[in-house]
Amino acid sequence: MTGNEYQINVLDFNIDYPESLGPFCTLLRMVEKIGIMSSTMVDILNKPDASITNTERDILRNELGEILMYLTRTIYHSGLTLDEVMQRNIDNYNAKQNYENIINRDIFKRK
């Protein structure tokens, strides 16, 4: 499934929030879900072995799915597609990596 296919599916979900608020409402709901996920992660990290149980993994999977859904809807309300946001992120990261590779070459290092 592509990002845009996911975005189309997510937009069909019947979510209870005022659509007129556009990206702001979805953003607030996403922040709420990030808080829940963060709390779960803190609980995991505070355990002696920091292992993730199957129950915790299910909770994280559900919360990350909710975050992705709200993020995707926020992207849509901003007039963008998920595919173009993902591609821009890859392009920016690749450009940064290329720059770092160039400045880390021996000819640019001080002797």
Protein backbone atom coordinates (compact mmCIF):
# COMPACT_ATOMS: atom_id res chain seq x y z
CA MET A 1 0.00 0.00 0.00
CA THR A 2 1.33 3.44 -0.88
CA GLY A 3 1.09 6.43 1.40
CA ASN A 4 -1.61 7.95 -0.79
CA GLU A 5 -3.63 4.71 -0.75
CA TYR A 6 -3.39 4.71 3.03
CA GLN A 7 -4.41 8.36 3.10
CA ILE A 8 -7.52 7.67 0.99
CA ASN A 9 -8.53 4.81 3.32
CA VAL A 10 -7.97 6.89 6.45
CA LEU A 11 -10.09 9.73 5.11
CA ASP A 12 -13.03 7.31 4.88
CA PHE A 13 -12.87 6.59 8.64
CA ASN A 14 -15.75 8.12 10.56
CA ILE A 15 -13.85 10.13 13.17
CA ASP A 16 -15.74 12.25 15.67
CA TYR A 17 -14.22 15.72 15.51
CA PRO A 18 -15.26 18.96 13.83
CA GLU A 19 -13.85 18.74 10.28
CA SER A 20 -14.14 22.54 10.04
CA LEU A 21 -11.19 22.81 12.42
CA GLY A 22 -9.07 21.09 9.76
CA PRO A 23 -5.53 20.19 10.74
CA PHE A 24 -5.76 21.70 14.21
CA CYS A 25 -8.17 19.16 15.64
CA THR A 26 -6.36 16.18 14.15
CA LEU A 27 -3.08 17.59 15.42
CA LEU A 28 -4.45 17.86 18.95
CA ARG A 29 -5.77 14.30 18.83
CA MET A 30 -2.37 13.13 17.56
CA VAL A 31 -0.60 14.87 20.45
CA GLU A 32 -2.96 13.13 22.88
CA LYS A 33 -2.06 9.74 21.36
CA ILE A 34 1.66 10.58 21.51
CA GLY A 35 1.23 11.21 25.24
CA ILE A 36 -0.35 7.77 25.73
CA MET A 37 2.39 6.11 23.67
CA SER A 38 5.09 7.98 25.60
CA SER A 39 3.62 6.83 28.89
CA THR A 40 3.72 3.22 27.70
CA MET A 41 7.34 3.66 26.57
CA VAL A 42 8.32 5.12 29.97
CA ASP A 43 6.72 2.13 31.69
CA ILE A 44 8.72 -0.22 29.45
CA LEU A 45 11.99 1.64 29.99
CA ASN A 46 11.47 1.66 33.76
CA LYS A 47 11.36 -2.13 33.90
CA PRO A 48 14.64 -3.80 34.92
CA ASP A 49 15.18 -5.44 31.54
CA ALA A 50 13.26 -2.91 29.39
CA SER A 51 11.73 -5.79 27.46
CA ILE A 52 8.50 -5.31 25.58
CA THR A 53 5.72 -7.79 26.29
CA ASN A 54 3.23 -8.84 23.64
CA THR A 55 0.56 -6.78 25.41
CA GLU A 56 2.79 -3.69 25.40
CA ARG A 57 3.65 -4.32 21.75
CA ASP A 58 -0.09 -4.42 20.93
CA ILE A 59 -0.64 -1.17 22.83
CA LEU A 60 2.25 0.50 20.96
CA ARG A 61 1.00 -0.84 17.62
CA ASN A 62 -2.46 0.57 18.29
CA GLU A 63 -1.19 3.94 19.51
CA LEU A 64 1.29 4.29 16.62
CA GLY A 65 -1.52 3.42 14.21
CA GLU A 66 -3.70 6.14 15.72
CA ILE A 67 -0.81 8.63 15.53
CA LEU A 68 -0.20 7.71 11.88
CA MET A 69 -3.91 8.11 11.12
CA TYR A 70 -4.11 11.57 12.69
CA LEU A 71 -0.83 12.62 11.09
CA THR A 72 -2.13 11.46 7.71
CA ARG A 73 -5.36 13.41 8.15
CA THR A 74 -3.37 16.48 9.24
CA ILE A 75 -1.28 16.17 6.07
CA TYR A 76 -4.48 16.00 3.99
CA HIS A 77 -6.03 19.04 5.70
CA SER A 78 -2.80 20.91 4.96
CA GLY A 79 -3.31 20.32 1.22
CA LEU A 80 -0.56 17.72 0.93
CA THR A 81 -0.39 14.02 0.21
CA LEU A 82 1.37 11.46 2.35
CA ASP A 83 3.46 10.31 -0.63
CA GLU A 84 4.81 13.80 -1.29
CA VAL A 85 5.63 14.34 2.40
CA MET A 86 7.45 11.00 2.53
CA GLN A 87 9.34 11.75 -0.70
CA ARG A 88 10.36 15.23 0.50
CA ASN A 89 11.65 13.70 3.71
CA ILE A 90 13.75 11.17 1.77
CA ASP A 91 15.05 13.86 -0.59
CA ASN A 92 16.00 16.15 2.30
CA TYR A 93 17.72 13.35 4.18
CA ASN A 94 19.63 12.23 1.08
CA ALA A 95 20.74 15.80 0.38
CA LYS A 96 21.93 16.13 3.99
CA GLN A 97 23.79 12.82 3.76
CA ASN A 98 25.44 13.83 0.48
CA TYR A 99 26.55 17.12 2.04
CA GLU A 100 27.93 15.35 5.11
CA ASN A 101 29.74 12.84 2.90
CA ILE A 102 31.37 15.69 0.97
CA ILE A 103 32.51 17.66 4.01
CA ASN A 104 33.85 14.49 5.67
CA ARG A 105 36.22 13.75 2.80
CA ASP A 106 39.91 13.86 3.60
CA ILE A 107 40.58 16.90 1.41
CA PHE A 108 38.34 19.00 3.68
CA LYS A 109 39.87 17.87 6.95
CA ARG A 110 42.48 19.99 8.66
CA LYS A 111 45.89 18.49 9.04
